PDB file of N, CA and C in Angstrom:
ATOM      1  N   UNK A   1     -92.883 -50.780 -13.954  1.00  0.00           N
ATOM      2  CA  UNK A   1     -93.835 -49.848 -13.381  1.00  0.00           C
ATOM      3  C   UNK A   1     -94.685 -50.578 -12.344  1.00  0.00           C
ATOM      4  N   UNK A   2     -94.736 -50.083 -11.098  1.00  0.00           N
ATOM      5  CA  UNK A   2     -95.511 -50.752 -10.065  1.00  0.00           C
ATOM      6  C   UNK A   2     -97.009 -50.651 -10.342  1.00  0.00           C
ATOM      7  N   UNK A   3     -97.726 -51.618  -9.835  1.00  0.00           N
ATOM      8  CA  UNK A   3     -99.171 -51.632 -10.014  1.00  0.00           C
ATOM      9  C   UNK A   3     -99.848 -51.702  -8.658  1.00  0.00           C
ATOM     10  N   UNK A   4    -101.058 -51.193  -8.580  1.00  0.00           N
ATOM     11  CA  UNK A   4    -101.812 -51.244  -7.328  1.00  0.00           C
ATOM     12  C   UNK A   4    -102.594 -52.543  -7.206  1.00  0.00           C
ATOM     13  N   UNK A   5    -102.678 -53.293  -8.283  1.00  0.00           N
ATOM     14  CA  UNK A   5    -103.418 -54.551  -8.276  1.00  0.00           C
ATOM     15  C   UNK A   5    -102.495 -55.706  -7.928  1.00  0.00           C
ATOM     16  N   UNK A   6    -103.033 -56.679  -7.201  1.00  0.00           N
ATOM     17  CA  UNK A   6    -102.275 -57.881  -6.879  1.00  0.00           C
ATOM     18  C   UNK A   6    -102.308 -58.806  -8.084  1.00  0.00           C
ATOM     19  N   UNK A   7    -101.184 -59.383  -8.400  1.00  0.00           N
ATOM     20  CA  UNK A   7    -101.091 -60.324  -9.513  1.00  0.00           C
ATOM     21  C   UNK A   7    -101.111 -61.745  -8.976  1.00  0.00           C
ATOM     22  N   UNK A   8    -101.818 -62.620  -9.692  1.00  0.00           N
ATOM     23  CA  UNK A   8    -101.832 -64.036  -9.342  1.00  0.00           C
ATOM     24  C   UNK A   8    -101.542 -64.844 -10.598  1.00  0.00           C
ATOM     25  N   UNK A   9    -100.953 -65.999 -10.415  1.00  0.00           N
ATOM     26  CA  UNK A   9    -100.710 -66.915 -11.527  1.00  0.00           C
ATOM     27  C   UNK A   9    -101.667 -68.087 -11.399  1.00  0.00           C
ATOM     28  N   UNK A  10    -102.384 -68.380 -12.463  1.00  0.00           N
ATOM     29  CA  UNK A  10    -103.271 -69.535 -12.467  1.00  0.00           C
ATOM     30  C   UNK A  10    -103.019 -70.342 -13.732  1.00  0.00           C
ATOM     31  N   UNK A  11    -103.289 -71.619 -13.647  1.00  0.00           N
ATOM     32  CA  UNK A  11    -103.196 -72.494 -14.816  1.00  0.00           C
ATOM     33  C   UNK A  11    -104.607 -72.791 -15.286  1.00  0.00           C
ATOM     34  N   UNK A  12    -104.863 -72.567 -16.572  1.00  0.00           N
ATOM     35  CA  UNK A  12    -106.192 -72.842 -17.120  1.00  0.00           C
ATOM     36  C   UNK A  12    -106.053 -73.762 -18.323  1.00  0.00           C
ATOM     37  N   UNK A  13    -107.141 -74.457 -18.608  1.00  0.00           N
ATOM     38  CA  UNK A  13    -107.137 -75.370 -19.745  1.00  0.00           C
ATOM     39  C   UNK A  13    -107.132 -74.579 -21.050  1.00  0.00           C
ATOM     40  N   UNK A  14    -106.813 -75.255 -22.117  1.00  0.00           N
ATOM     41  CA  UNK A  14    -106.796 -74.623 -23.442  1.00  0.00           C
ATOM     42  C   UNK A  14    -108.190 -74.116 -23.812  1.00  0.00           C
ATOM     43  N   UNK A  15    -109.221 -74.880 -23.426  1.00  0.00           N
ATOM     44  CA  UNK A  15    -110.596 -74.464 -23.727  1.00  0.00           C
ATOM     45  C   UNK A  15    -110.945 -73.148 -23.024  1.00  0.00           C
ATOM     46  N   UNK A  16    -110.562 -73.040 -21.746  1.00  0.00           N
ATOM     47  CA  UNK A  16    -110.813 -71.792 -21.025  1.00  0.00           C
ATOM     48  C   UNK A  16    -110.009 -70.643 -21.611  1.00  0.00           C
ATOM     49  N   UNK A  17    -108.787 -70.924 -22.003  1.00  0.00           N
ATOM     50  CA  UNK A  17    -107.944 -69.899 -22.612  1.00  0.00           C
ATOM     51  C   UNK A  17    -108.572 -69.387 -23.902  1.00  0.00           C
ATOM     52  N   UNK A  18    -109.049 -70.300 -24.733  1.00  0.00           N
ATOM     53  CA  UNK A  18    -109.695 -69.900 -25.992  1.00  0.00           C
ATOM     54  C   UNK A  18    -110.945 -69.067 -25.727  1.00  0.00           C
ATOM     55  N   UNK A  19    -111.741 -69.487 -24.741  1.00  0.00           N
ATOM     56  CA  UNK A  19    -112.953 -68.739 -24.408  1.00  0.00           C
ATOM     57  C   UNK A  19    -112.602 -67.345 -23.898  1.00  0.00           C
ATOM     58  N   UNK A  20    -111.587 -67.260 -23.057  1.00  0.00           N
ATOM     59  CA  UNK A  20    -111.168 -65.972 -22.511  1.00  0.00           C
ATOM     60  C   UNK A  20    -110.657 -65.047 -23.615  1.00  0.00           C
ATOM     61  N   UNK A  21    -109.914 -65.595 -24.548  1.00  0.00           N
ATOM     62  CA  UNK A  21    -109.416 -64.811 -25.686  1.00  0.00           C
ATOM     63  C   UNK A  21    -110.582 -64.242 -26.487  1.00  0.00           C
ATOM     64  N   UNK A  22    -111.564 -65.088 -26.787  1.00  0.00           N
ATOM     65  CA  UNK A  22    -112.714 -64.647 -27.588  1.00  0.00           C
ATOM     66  C   UNK A  22    -113.552 -63.607 -26.850  1.00  0.00           C
ATOM     67  N   UNK A  23    -113.788 -63.831 -25.562  1.00  0.00           N
ATOM     68  CA  UNK A  23    -114.582 -62.875 -24.791  1.00  0.00           C
ATOM     69  C   UNK A  23    -113.872 -61.533 -24.658  1.00  0.00           C
ATOM     70  N   UNK A  24    -112.579 -61.563 -24.419  1.00  0.00           N
ATOM     71  CA  UNK A  24    -111.814 -60.322 -24.296  1.00  0.00           C
ATOM     72  C   UNK A  24    -111.799 -59.560 -25.619  1.00  0.00           C
ATOM     73  N   UNK A  25    -111.644 -60.292 -26.696  1.00  0.00           N
ATOM     74  CA  UNK A  25    -111.644 -59.651 -28.016  1.00  0.00           C
ATOM     75  C   UNK A  25    -113.016 -59.047 -28.310  1.00  0.00           C
ATOM     76  N   UNK A  26    -114.081 -59.799 -27.994  1.00  0.00           N
ATOM     77  CA  UNK A  26    -115.439 -59.310 -28.233  1.00  0.00           C
ATOM     78  C   UNK A  26    -115.702 -58.017 -27.472  1.00  0.00           C
ATOM     79  N   UNK A  27    -115.236 -57.973 -26.223  1.00  0.00           N
ATOM     80  CA  UNK A  27    -115.480 -56.813 -25.371  1.00  0.00           C
ATOM     81  C   UNK A  27    -114.388 -55.752 -25.478  1.00  0.00           C
ATOM     82  N   UNK A  28    -113.419 -55.988 -26.348  1.00  0.00           N
ATOM     83  CA  UNK A  28    -112.327 -55.053 -26.611  1.00  0.00           C
ATOM     84  C   UNK A  28    -111.616 -54.636 -25.319  1.00  0.00           C
ATOM     85  N   UNK A  29    -111.133 -55.644 -24.602  1.00  0.00           N
ATOM     86  CA  UNK A  29    -110.381 -55.396 -23.373  1.00  0.00           C
ATOM     87  C   UNK A  29    -109.300 -56.447 -23.226  1.00  0.00           C
ATOM     88  N   UNK A  30    -108.285 -56.178 -22.430  1.00  0.00           N
ATOM     89  CA  UNK A  30    -107.232 -57.173 -22.214  1.00  0.00           C
ATOM     90  C   UNK A  30    -107.787 -58.433 -21.544  1.00  0.00           C
ATOM     91  N   UNK A  31    -107.119 -59.549 -21.788  1.00  0.00           N
ATOM     92  CA  UNK A  31    -107.561 -60.818 -21.203  1.00  0.00           C
ATOM     93  C   UNK A  31    -107.572 -60.751 -19.683  1.00  0.00           C
ATOM     94  N   UNK A  32    -106.574 -60.124 -19.095  1.00  0.00           N
ATOM     95  CA  UNK A  32    -106.505 -60.042 -17.630  1.00  0.00           C
ATOM     96  C   UNK A  32    -107.692 -59.270 -17.065  1.00  0.00           C
ATOM     97  N   UNK A  33    -108.091 -58.208 -17.742  1.00  0.00           N
ATOM     98  CA  UNK A  33    -109.237 -57.422 -17.293  1.00  0.00           C
ATOM     99  C   UNK A  33    -110.515 -58.235 -17.407  1.00  0.00           C
ATOM    100  N   UNK A  34    -110.662 -58.955 -18.511  1.00  0.00           N
ATOM    101  CA  UNK A  34    -111.848 -59.794 -18.688  1.00  0.00           C
ATOM    102  C   UNK A  34    -111.878 -60.897 -17.641  1.00  0.00           C
ATOM    103  N   UNK A  35    -110.730 -61.488 -17.356  1.00  0.00           N
ATOM    104  CA  UNK A  35    -110.655 -62.534 -16.333  1.00  0.00           C
ATOM    105  C   UNK A  35    -111.059 -61.969 -14.971  1.00  0.00           C
ATOM    106  N   UNK A  36    -110.612 -60.750 -14.673  1.00  0.00           N
ATOM    107  CA  UNK A  36    -110.990 -60.121 -13.402  1.00  0.00           C
ATOM    108  C   UNK A  36    -112.492 -59.890 -13.339  1.00  0.00           C
ATOM    109  N   UNK A  37    -113.085 -59.409 -14.428  1.00  0.00           N
ATOM    110  CA  UNK A  37    -114.530 -59.175 -14.460  1.00  0.00           C
ATOM    111  C   UNK A  37    -115.290 -60.479 -14.239  1.00  0.00           C
ATOM    112  N   UNK A  38    -114.859 -61.538 -14.910  1.00  0.00           N
ATOM    113  CA  UNK A  38    -115.532 -62.830 -14.769  1.00  0.00           C
ATOM    114  C   UNK A  38    -115.374 -63.384 -13.355  1.00  0.00           C
ATOM    115  N   UNK A  39    -114.207 -63.228 -12.771  1.00  0.00           N
ATOM    116  CA  UNK A  39    -113.972 -63.693 -11.404  1.00  0.00           C
ATOM    117  C   UNK A  39    -114.828 -62.906 -10.417  1.00  0.00           C
ATOM    118  N   UNK A  40    -114.906 -61.601 -10.603  1.00  0.00           N
ATOM    119  CA  UNK A  40    -115.742 -60.767  -9.735  1.00  0.00           C
ATOM    120  C   UNK A  40    -117.206 -61.202  -9.833  1.00  0.00           C
ATOM    121  N   UNK A  41    -117.686 -61.468 -11.051  1.00  0.00           N
ATOM    122  CA  UNK A  41    -119.061 -61.917 -11.272  1.00  0.00           C
ATOM    123  C   UNK A  41    -119.300 -63.264 -10.589  1.00  0.00           C
ATOM    124  N   UNK A  42    -118.346 -64.171 -10.708  1.00  0.00           N
ATOM    125  CA  UNK A  42    -118.470 -65.492 -10.078  1.00  0.00           C
ATOM    126  C   UNK A  42    -118.529 -65.371  -8.556  1.00  0.00           C
ATOM    127  N   UNK A  43    -117.742 -64.470  -7.984  1.00  0.00           N
ATOM    128  CA  UNK A  43    -117.765 -64.270  -6.534  1.00  0.00           C
ATOM    129  C   UNK A  43    -119.097 -63.682  -6.075  1.00  0.00           C
ATOM    130  N   UNK A  44    -119.685 -62.803  -6.877  1.00  0.00           N
ATOM    131  CA  UNK A  44    -121.001 -62.259  -6.550  1.00  0.00           C
ATOM    132  C   UNK A  44    -122.059 -63.358  -6.568  1.00  0.00           C
ATOM    133  N   UNK A  45    -121.979 -64.250  -7.536  1.00  0.00           N
ATOM    134  CA  UNK A  45    -122.916 -65.374  -7.604  1.00  0.00           C
ATOM    135  C   UNK A  45    -122.740 -66.277  -6.385  1.00  0.00           C
ATOM    136  N   UNK A  46    -121.503 -66.545  -6.017  1.00  0.00           N
ATOM    137  CA  UNK A  46    -121.224 -67.378  -4.840  1.00  0.00           C
ATOM    138  C   UNK A  46    -121.795 -66.727  -3.580  1.00  0.00           C
ATOM    139  N   UNK A  47    -121.614 -65.421  -3.444  1.00  0.00           N
ATOM    140  CA  UNK A  47    -122.161 -64.702  -2.294  1.00  0.00           C
ATOM    141  C   UNK A  47    -123.684 -64.788  -2.281  1.00  0.00           C
ATOM    142  N   UNK A  48    -124.317 -64.612  -3.443  1.00  0.00           N
ATOM    143  CA  UNK A  48    -125.771 -64.720  -3.540  1.00  0.00           C
ATOM    144  C   UNK A  48    -126.255 -66.102  -3.112  1.00  0.00           C
ATOM    145  N   UNK A  49    -125.539 -67.147  -3.516  1.00  0.00           N
ATOM    146  CA  UNK A  49    -125.922 -68.508  -3.134  1.00  0.00           C
ATOM    147  C   UNK A  49    -125.846 -68.700  -1.626  1.00  0.00           C
ATOM    148  N   UNK A  50    -124.805 -68.174  -1.006  1.00  0.00           N
ATOM    149  CA  UNK A  50    -124.653 -68.297   0.446  1.00  0.00           C
ATOM    150  C   UNK A  50    -125.766 -67.537   1.166  1.00  0.00           C
ATOM    151  N   UNK A  51    -126.038 -66.305   0.733  1.00  0.00           N
ATOM    152  CA  UNK A  51    -127.098 -65.522   1.362  1.00  0.00           C
ATOM    153  C   UNK A  51    -128.465 -66.158   1.142  1.00  0.00           C
ATOM    154  N   UNK A  52    -128.676 -66.775  -0.017  1.00  0.00           N
ATOM    155  CA  UNK A  52    -129.929 -67.469  -0.286  1.00  0.00           C
ATOM    156  C   UNK A  52    -130.101 -68.659   0.648  1.00  0.00           C
ATOM    157  N   UNK A  53    -129.021 -69.390   0.892  1.00  0.00           N
ATOM    158  CA  UNK A  53    -129.072 -70.525   1.811  1.00  0.00           C
ATOM    159  C   UNK A  53    -129.443 -70.060   3.215  1.00  0.00           C
ATOM    160  N   UNK A  54    -128.872 -68.944   3.653  1.00  0.00           N
ATOM    161  CA  UNK A  54    -129.202 -68.390   4.968  1.00  0.00           C
ATOM    162  C   UNK A  54    -130.673 -67.981   5.012  1.00  0.00           C
ATOM    163  N   UNK A  55    -131.146 -67.310   3.968  1.00  0.00           N
ATOM    164  CA  UNK A  55    -132.535 -66.854   3.920  1.00  0.00           C
ATOM    165  C   UNK A  55    -133.506 -68.031   3.910  1.00  0.00           C
ATOM    166  N   UNK A  56    -133.184 -69.077   3.161  1.00  0.00           N
ATOM    167  CA  UNK A  56    -134.054 -70.255   3.126  1.00  0.00           C
ATOM    168  C   UNK A  56    -134.127 -70.921   4.493  1.00  0.00           C
ATOM    169  N   UNK A  57    -133.030 -70.889   5.236  1.00  0.00           N
ATOM    170  CA  UNK A  57    -133.031 -71.450   6.580  1.00  0.00           C
ATOM    171  C   UNK A  57    -133.908 -70.664   7.535  1.00  0.00           C
ATOM    172  N   UNK A  58    -134.047 -69.384   7.295  1.00  0.00           N
ATOM    173  CA  UNK A  58    -134.883 -68.533   8.151  1.00  0.00           C
ATOM    174  C   UNK A  58    -136.345 -68.554   7.726  1.00  0.00           C
ATOM    175  N   UNK A  59    -136.616 -68.923   6.486  1.00  0.00           N
ATOM    176  CA  UNK A  59    -137.978 -68.923   5.959  1.00  0.00           C
ATOM    177  C   UNK A  59    -138.750 -70.091   6.559  1.00  0.00           C
ATOM    178  N   UNK A  60    -139.904 -69.792   7.095  1.00  0.00           N
ATOM    179  CA  UNK A  60    -140.708 -70.829   7.731  1.00  0.00           C
ATOM    180  C   UNK A  60    -142.177 -70.501   7.538  1.00  0.00           C
ATOM    181  N   UNK A  61    -142.998 -71.529   7.384  1.00  0.00           N
ATOM    182  CA  UNK A  61    -144.433 -71.295   7.205  1.00  0.00           C
ATOM    183  C   UNK A  61    -145.087 -70.872   8.520  1.00  0.00           C
ATOM    184  N   UNK A  62    -144.443 -71.131   9.638  1.00  0.00           N
ATOM    185  CA  UNK A  62    -145.015 -70.763  10.938  1.00  0.00           C
ATOM    186  C   UNK A  62    -144.521 -69.398  11.425  1.00  0.00           C
ATOM    187  N   UNK A  63    -143.888 -68.646  10.552  1.00  0.00           N
ATOM    188  CA  UNK A  63    -143.368 -67.336  10.922  1.00  0.00           C
ATOM    189  C   UNK A  63    -144.509 -66.359  11.165  1.00  0.00           C
ATOM    190  N   UNK A  64    -144.394 -65.577  12.231  1.00  0.00           N
ATOM    191  CA  UNK A  64    -145.386 -64.550  12.524  1.00  0.00           C
ATOM    192  C   UNK A  64    -144.923 -63.247  11.880  1.00  0.00           C
ATOM    193  N   UNK A  65    -145.760 -62.691  11.023  1.00  0.00           N
ATOM    194  CA  UNK A  65    -145.421 -61.455  10.336  1.00  0.00           C
ATOM    195  C   UNK A  65    -145.952 -60.258  11.114  1.00  0.00           C
ATOM    196  N   UNK A  66    -145.209 -59.167  11.067  1.00  0.00           N
ATOM    197  CA  UNK A  66    -145.582 -57.929  11.738  1.00  0.00           C
ATOM    198  C   UNK A  66    -145.915 -56.909  10.660  1.00  0.00           C
ATOM    199  N   UNK A  67    -147.007 -56.180  10.862  1.00  0.00           N
ATOM    200  CA  UNK A  67    -147.401 -55.187   9.859  1.00  0.00           C
ATOM    201  C   UNK A  67    -146.379 -54.055   9.799  1.00  0.00           C
ATOM    202  N   UNK A  68    -146.387 -53.349   8.698  1.00  0.00           N
ATOM    203  CA  UNK A  68    -145.462 -52.242   8.489  1.00  0.00           C
ATOM    204  C   UNK A  68    -145.663 -51.153   9.544  1.00  0.00           C
ATOM    205  N   UNK A  69    -146.927 -50.844   9.846  1.00  0.00           N
ATOM    206  CA  UNK A  69    -147.217 -49.794  10.832  1.00  0.00           C
ATOM    207  C   UNK A  69    -146.691 -50.165  12.214  1.00  0.00           C
ATOM    208  N   UNK A  70    -146.869 -51.413  12.589  1.00  0.00           N
ATOM    209  CA  UNK A  70    -146.412 -51.860  13.906  1.00  0.00           C
ATOM    210  C   UNK A  70    -144.886 -51.886  13.960  1.00  0.00           C
ATOM    211  N   UNK A  71    -144.262 -52.313  12.898  1.00  0.00           N
ATOM    212  CA  UNK A  71    -142.802 -52.423  12.881  1.00  0.00           C
ATOM    213  C   UNK A  71    -142.121 -51.065  12.983  1.00  0.00           C
ATOM    214  N   UNK A  72    -142.734 -50.017  12.446  1.00  0.00           N
ATOM    215  CA  UNK A  72    -142.103 -48.695  12.413  1.00  0.00           C
ATOM    216  C   UNK A  72    -142.678 -47.720  13.438  1.00  0.00           C
ATOM    217  N   UNK A  73    -143.297 -48.234  14.483  1.00  0.00           N
ATOM    218  CA  UNK A  73    -143.785 -47.370  15.558  1.00  0.00           C
ATOM    219  C   UNK A  73    -142.668 -46.851  16.381  1.00  0.00           C
TER     220      UNK A  73
END
């Protein structure tokens, strides 16, 4: 039966496999689904870190702030 999801093969350590088994069982879902959820969460964290780095680069104590009224005129 064809699937709409792309399949990938990865090699994981026994410790990660055991953790994935326990988490999937706890959440009552297949291991592949749990792995996808964890990967999606990790990618969101990575994106947040990148955006935070960009924001920190723009943050400056000498920045001139504009009031809300002036900005939306």
